[in-house]
Each structure stands twice: as C-alpha cells, then as structure tokens.
Amino acid sequence: MIKRRLKRHQKRAIARGEEFKPKVNLEVKEFEQFHCILMSSNSNQQEFIIHIQRENVEIQNKPYFSLYGFATNEKFSGTVPDLSSLITDI
C-alpha cells in the first residue's frame, strides 16, 4: 500500500513540475480499534476502503470534513458528538 501511495504522489508531483521528495517517517503508530467501510468513488465508481477510528478529545473543533463526510488525520478535522449513551440494546 505504501509503494502504491508513493507512486501516486510521485506521478502527481511530476505532473505539477515539482521534484518528488518523499518524507521518510519512521515513527511507529499504535492504533486502537477501527472500522473498515467499503465505498465507491462517485467519479469513477472505483471501490476503496475507508478506515474509521474514534478519538476522544477535550475541545470541540470546528467541523471541516471531506466530501464523504469524514475527517482525516492531516487535512480535514472536526468533532462530532458521542451519542453512544443514547443507544440502548433491544
């Protein structure tokens, strides 16, 4: 997956006329439980997987989400209320 992403970034950089200098990140990340959702692109109908992870925060951020209604770790961010206390098992 990393190779594919790097190749895509390189192709975009070349198309913009920029030099491709990938950042090397050797930081190990630990992930808590997350969900995978299979989605399809509206533009080309290609399927892809979105990984959803919950993060508890103390301060509410101004919502800034992607076209799919999600935040990312880098560009888009936003908070939504935790409604789990309102859900009751039937």
Protein backbone atom coordinates (compact mmCIF):
# COMPACT_ATOMS: atom_id res chain seq x y z
CA MET A 1 0.00 0.00 0.00
CA ILE A 2 2.84 2.40 0.77
CA LYS A 3 4.51 1.70 -2.58
CA ARG A 4 1.27 2.45 -4.41
CA ARG A 5 0.76 5.68 -2.46
CA LEU A 6 4.34 6.82 -3.11
CA LYS A 7 3.97 6.09 -6.82
CA ARG A 8 0.76 8.12 -6.94
CA HIS A 9 2.42 11.05 -5.10
CA GLN A 10 5.38 10.88 -7.47
CA LYS A 11 3.10 10.95 -10.52
CA ARG A 12 1.25 13.99 -9.16
CA ALA A 13 4.49 15.83 -8.34
CA ILE A 14 5.84 15.22 -11.84
CA ALA A 15 2.55 16.43 -13.36
CA ARG A 16 2.89 19.65 -11.34
CA GLY A 17 6.50 20.03 -12.47
CA GLU A 18 7.84 19.55 -8.95
CA GLU A 19 10.69 17.41 -7.71
CA PHE A 20 9.49 14.32 -5.85
CA LYS A 21 11.00 14.23 -2.36
CA PRO A 22 9.11 11.74 -0.19
CA LYS A 23 9.24 12.30 3.54
CA VAL A 24 10.54 9.35 5.48
CA ASN A 25 8.53 8.77 8.63
CA LEU A 26 9.91 6.05 10.84
CA GLU A 27 7.55 6.84 13.70
CA VAL A 28 5.67 3.77 14.89
CA LYS A 29 1.97 4.40 15.35
CA GLU A 30 -0.32 2.36 17.52
CA PHE A 31 -3.96 2.24 16.51
CA GLU A 32 -6.90 1.46 18.68
CA GLN A 33 -9.88 -0.42 17.32
CA PHE A 34 -11.15 0.91 13.99
CA HIS A 35 -13.80 0.11 11.41
CA CYS A 36 -13.38 -0.50 7.68
CA ILE A 37 -16.05 0.66 5.26
CA LEU A 38 -16.09 -0.29 1.58
CA MET A 39 -17.02 2.73 -0.53
CA SER A 40 -17.05 3.61 -4.21
CA SER A 41 -15.96 6.80 -5.89
CA ASN A 42 -18.70 8.93 -7.45
CA SER A 43 -16.40 10.00 -10.27
CA ASN A 44 -15.07 6.64 -11.49
CA GLN A 45 -17.04 4.06 -9.46
CA GLN A 46 -13.76 2.53 -8.21
CA GLU A 47 -14.10 0.84 -4.83
CA PHE A 48 -11.83 1.67 -1.91
CA ILE A 49 -11.71 1.10 1.83
CA ILE A 50 -12.03 3.87 4.38
CA HIS A 51 -10.73 3.24 7.88
CA ILE A 52 -12.73 4.94 10.65
CA GLN A 53 -11.27 5.48 14.10
CA ARG A 54 -12.69 7.22 17.11
CA GLU A 55 -10.58 9.64 19.07
CA ASN A 56 -11.75 11.24 22.29
CA VAL A 57 -10.96 14.96 22.57
CA GLU A 58 -11.48 17.53 25.28
CA ILE A 59 -12.17 20.52 23.00
CA GLN A 60 -14.68 20.59 20.17
CA ASN A 61 -13.15 21.54 16.80
CA LYS A 62 -14.88 23.45 14.04
CA PRO A 63 -16.14 20.77 11.62
CA TYR A 64 -14.13 20.54 8.41
CA PHE A 65 -14.88 17.28 6.61
CA SER A 66 -14.19 15.77 3.19
CA LEU A 67 -16.84 15.33 0.52
CA TYR A 68 -17.56 11.91 2.02
CA GLY A 69 -18.32 13.49 5.40
CA PHE A 70 -15.16 12.24 7.11
CA ALA A 71 -12.14 13.85 8.68
CA THR A 72 -8.56 12.76 8.02
CA ASN A 73 -5.56 12.75 10.27
CA GLU A 74 -3.96 15.58 8.32
CA LYS A 75 -6.11 17.83 6.15
CA PHE A 76 -9.67 17.57 7.41
CA SER A 77 -10.64 17.65 11.06
CA GLY A 78 -13.76 18.05 13.08
CA THR A 79 -15.60 16.64 16.02
CA VAL A 80 -18.97 15.00 16.27
CA PRO A 81 -20.94 14.30 19.43
CA ASP A 82 -20.69 10.90 21.08
CA LEU A 83 -24.24 9.58 21.02
CA SER A 84 -23.42 6.10 22.32
CA SER A 85 -25.07 6.86 25.66
CA LEU A 86 -28.39 7.35 23.84
CA ILE A 87 -28.29 3.93 22.19
CA THR A 88 -29.96 1.16 24.14
CA ASP A 89 -29.68 -2.52 23.40
CA ILE A 90 -33.01 -4.02 22.39
